[in-house]
């Protein structure tokens, strides 16, 4: 089943007979959508951290390549499991969260590879610097979530960046410059009432 057919099946499931060809907007579940990063620590081990993510997906069933994603992360909510390290990373040597509280990713292009995989190009803005990044994305599952009874689509993605590209040069090369990103996303259609409320508040 091609990616466009998977997207069409998803839209059919939550829209039923009223299916239209227009793109559809989904909200990320910010309790199950995350960015996990890993870097080498002095050559001895690997250090990792995690953020939960908020944002929206726009799925276009007729033209999957026109689908898009817009995601933001509150840097202060970093989780490494070590409170002292969290505080250190938020300081000026690294994320400098007082000056740059958020990171964002906005897609610019979707290239469909096969039935479940795509490459998503976009602009990552981190620490006040914007750079192109490519996400290697896999669609995991489309269907009703048995826990919350919502129609849900799930994706996994990976990417690689260099932290020095975003002004984080501290301790390079002893502390790894290359950062491996692992991303998980669960998203569901935005309810009409929630969308209306969002528009009124903006």
Protein backbone atom coordinates (compact mmCIF):
# COMPACT_ATOMS: atom_id res chain seq x y z
CA UNK A 1 0.00 0.00 0.00
CA UNK A 2 1.50 3.33 -1.06
CA UNK A 3 1.90 6.17 1.42
CA UNK A 4 -0.92 8.14 -0.21
CA UNK A 5 -3.22 5.13 0.27
CA UNK A 6 -2.30 4.91 3.95
CA UNK A 7 -3.07 8.59 4.40
CA UNK A 8 -6.35 8.20 2.54
CA UNK A 9 -7.29 5.24 4.74
CA UNK A 10 -6.55 7.30 7.84
CA UNK A 11 -8.69 10.22 6.69
CA UNK A 12 -11.51 7.86 5.71
CA UNK A 13 -11.48 6.33 9.17
CA UNK A 14 -12.10 9.62 10.96
CA UNK A 15 -14.21 11.35 8.33
CA UNK A 16 -16.31 8.50 7.03
CA UNK A 17 -18.51 9.29 4.07
CA UNK A 18 -17.77 13.03 4.25
CA UNK A 19 -14.24 12.55 2.95
CA UNK A 20 -12.92 15.49 0.97
CA UNK A 21 -9.69 15.91 -0.91
CA UNK A 22 -8.55 18.89 1.17
CA UNK A 23 -5.48 18.48 3.42
CA UNK A 24 -6.20 17.66 7.07
CA UNK A 25 -4.50 19.04 10.17
CA UNK A 26 -3.51 16.83 13.09
CA UNK A 27 -2.14 17.79 16.50
CA UNK A 28 0.83 16.04 18.05
CA UNK A 29 0.11 14.21 21.28
CA UNK A 30 2.69 16.00 23.42
CA UNK A 31 2.79 13.15 25.94
CA UNK A 32 3.87 10.65 23.27
CA UNK A 33 5.74 12.85 20.78
CA UNK A 34 9.40 13.38 21.61
CA UNK A 35 12.92 14.12 20.43
CA UNK A 36 15.70 11.99 21.90
CA UNK A 37 19.31 13.06 21.35
CA UNK A 38 22.59 11.21 21.85
CA UNK A 39 26.21 12.38 21.80
CA UNK A 40 29.55 10.79 22.65
CA UNK A 41 30.80 11.61 26.14
CA UNK A 42 34.60 11.98 26.15
CA UNK A 43 34.90 8.78 24.10
CA UNK A 44 33.89 6.69 27.11
CA UNK A 45 30.13 6.46 26.73
CA UNK A 46 27.06 8.02 25.18
CA UNK A 47 25.00 10.71 26.91
CA UNK A 48 21.35 11.18 26.00
CA UNK A 49 18.50 13.55 26.72
CA UNK A 50 14.88 13.99 25.76
CA UNK A 51 12.23 16.60 25.11
CA UNK A 52 8.53 16.24 24.48
CA UNK A 53 7.26 18.08 21.42
CA UNK A 54 4.20 20.08 20.41
CA UNK A 55 3.00 20.92 16.95
CA UNK A 56 0.88 20.04 13.96
CA UNK A 57 0.95 17.80 10.92
CA UNK A 58 -0.85 18.59 7.70
CA UNK A 59 -1.59 15.41 5.73
CA UNK A 60 -2.50 15.68 2.06
CA UNK A 61 -3.87 12.36 0.83
CA UNK A 62 -3.90 13.36 -2.84
CA UNK A 63 -0.38 14.78 -2.81
CA UNK A 64 1.58 13.34 0.14
CA UNK A 65 4.62 15.34 -0.96
CA UNK A 66 2.66 18.47 -0.03
CA UNK A 67 2.15 17.29 3.55
CA UNK A 68 3.97 19.31 6.20
CA UNK A 69 5.03 19.44 9.83
CA UNK A 70 5.53 22.33 12.26
CA UNK A 71 6.97 21.42 15.67
CA UNK A 72 8.25 23.33 18.70
CA UNK A 73 10.12 22.30 21.84
CA UNK A 74 10.48 24.09 25.17
CA UNK A 75 14.21 23.72 25.81
CA UNK A 76 13.82 24.19 29.57
CA UNK A 77 11.91 20.89 29.71
CA UNK A 78 14.98 18.83 28.87
CA UNK A 79 15.19 15.48 30.66
CA UNK A 80 18.50 13.64 31.09
CA UNK A 81 17.73 11.92 34.38
CA UNK A 82 20.45 14.02 36.06
CA UNK A 83 19.05 17.30 37.44
CA UNK A 84 22.49 18.93 37.71
CA UNK A 85 23.19 18.11 34.07
CA UNK A 86 19.82 19.50 33.01
CA UNK A 87 20.69 22.79 34.70
CA UNK A 88 24.17 22.84 33.15
CA UNK A 89 22.83 22.21 29.65
CA UNK A 90 20.36 25.08 29.98
CA UNK A 91 23.19 27.51 30.69
CA UNK A 92 25.12 29.75 28.24
CA UNK A 93 27.72 27.08 27.36
CA UNK A 94 25.06 24.98 25.69
CA UNK A 95 21.39 25.79 25.03
CA UNK A 96 21.37 29.21 26.75
CA UNK A 97 17.68 28.81 27.48
CA UNK A 98 17.22 32.34 28.88
CA UNK A 99 18.03 33.79 25.46
CA UNK A 100 16.68 30.96 23.33
CA UNK A 101 13.79 29.23 25.12
CA UNK A 102 12.44 27.31 22.13
CA UNK A 103 13.58 25.17 19.23
CA UNK A 104 11.44 24.73 16.11
CA UNK A 105 11.34 22.56 13.01
CA UNK A 106 9.30 23.53 9.96
CA UNK A 107 9.25 21.30 6.91
CA UNK A 108 9.99 22.64 3.44
CA UNK A 109 9.72 19.46 1.35
CA UNK A 110 8.45 15.88 1.64
CA UNK A 111 9.94 13.25 -0.66
CA UNK A 112 8.00 9.97 -0.60
CA UNK A 113 10.33 6.95 -0.90
CA UNK A 114 7.95 4.00 -0.73
CA UNK A 115 4.80 2.75 0.99
CA UNK A 116 5.86 3.79 4.50
CA UNK A 117 9.01 5.89 4.22
CA UNK A 118 9.70 9.49 3.34
CA UNK A 119 12.45 12.08 3.64
CA UNK A 120 11.29 15.34 5.17
CA UNK A 121 13.50 18.37 4.61
CA UNK A 122 13.03 21.37 6.83
CA UNK A 123 14.56 24.19 8.81
CA UNK A 124 15.66 23.55 12.38
CA UNK A 125 16.01 26.69 14.48
CA UNK A 126 18.02 26.15 17.65
CA UNK A 127 19.84 28.66 19.82
CA UNK A 128 18.91 31.41 17.38
CA UNK A 129 20.47 29.65 14.38
CA UNK A 130 18.45 28.19 11.49
CA UNK A 131 19.87 25.30 9.45
CA UNK A 132 18.47 22.78 6.95
CA UNK A 133 17.92 19.29 8.36
CA UNK A 134 16.57 16.13 6.75
CA UNK A 135 14.40 13.71 8.72
CA UNK A 136 14.25 10.06 7.65
CA UNK A 137 10.65 9.17 8.46
CA UNK A 138 8.76 5.89 8.77
CA UNK A 139 5.00 5.65 9.17
CA UNK A 140 4.40 3.04 11.89
CA UNK A 141 0.67 2.61 12.21
CA UNK A 142 -2.67 4.14 11.29
CA UNK A 143 -5.77 3.34 13.35
CA UNK A 144 -7.83 3.93 16.46
CA UNK A 145 -5.90 4.30 19.71
CA UNK A 146 -7.43 1.76 22.13
CA UNK A 147 -6.56 3.93 25.15
CA UNK A 148 -8.14 7.26 24.20
CA UNK A 149 -10.40 6.04 21.36
CA UNK A 150 -8.93 8.64 18.96
CA UNK A 151 -7.89 8.01 15.38
CA UNK A 152 -4.10 8.16 15.47
CA UNK A 153 -1.17 8.05 13.09
CA UNK A 154 2.31 7.20 14.36
CA UNK A 155 5.71 8.00 12.90
CA UNK A 156 9.36 7.39 13.78
CA UNK A 157 12.20 9.48 12.41
CA UNK A 158 15.96 9.91 12.65
CA UNK A 159 18.36 12.72 11.81
CA UNK A 160 21.95 13.77 12.42
CA UNK A 161 23.14 17.30 13.19
CA UNK A 162 26.31 18.98 14.45
CA UNK A 163 25.84 21.04 17.59
CA UNK A 164 28.64 23.40 16.54
CA UNK A 165 26.46 24.44 13.59
CA UNK A 166 24.10 25.95 16.17
CA UNK A 167 26.75 27.77 18.19
CA UNK A 168 27.36 25.05 20.78
CA UNK A 169 31.12 24.64 20.55
CA UNK A 170 31.85 23.91 24.21
CA UNK A 171 34.25 20.99 24.76
CA UNK A 172 34.40 20.01 21.08
CA UNK A 173 35.92 17.56 20.13
CA UNK A 174 36.16 15.86 23.53
CA UNK A 175 32.41 16.05 23.91
CA UNK A 176 30.86 14.84 20.68
CA UNK A 177 29.93 17.36 18.02
CA UNK A 178 27.73 14.93 16.08
CA UNK A 179 24.25 14.58 17.57
CA UNK A 180 22.03 11.63 16.72
CA UNK A 181 18.31 12.41 16.89
CA UNK A 182 15.55 9.85 17.34
CA UNK A 183 11.99 11.13 17.03
CA UNK A 184 8.64 9.58 17.84
CA UNK A 185 5.28 11.10 16.92
CA UNK A 186 1.67 10.25 17.63
CA UNK A 187 -0.90 12.63 16.14
CA UNK A 188 -4.69 12.83 15.93
CA UNK A 189 -7.15 15.07 14.07
CA UNK A 190 -7.76 18.45 15.66
CA UNK A 191 -11.34 18.63 16.90
CA UNK A 192 -13.44 21.42 15.42
CA UNK A 193 -14.07 23.08 18.80
CA UNK A 194 -10.39 23.07 19.67
CA UNK A 195 -9.48 24.52 16.29
CA UNK A 196 -12.05 27.31 16.65
CA UNK A 197 -10.78 28.17 20.14
CA UNK A 198 -7.21 28.26 18.87
CA UNK A 199 -8.14 30.65 16.06
CA UNK A 200 -9.96 33.00 18.46
CA UNK A 201 -7.01 33.12 20.86
CA UNK A 202 -4.48 33.85 18.11
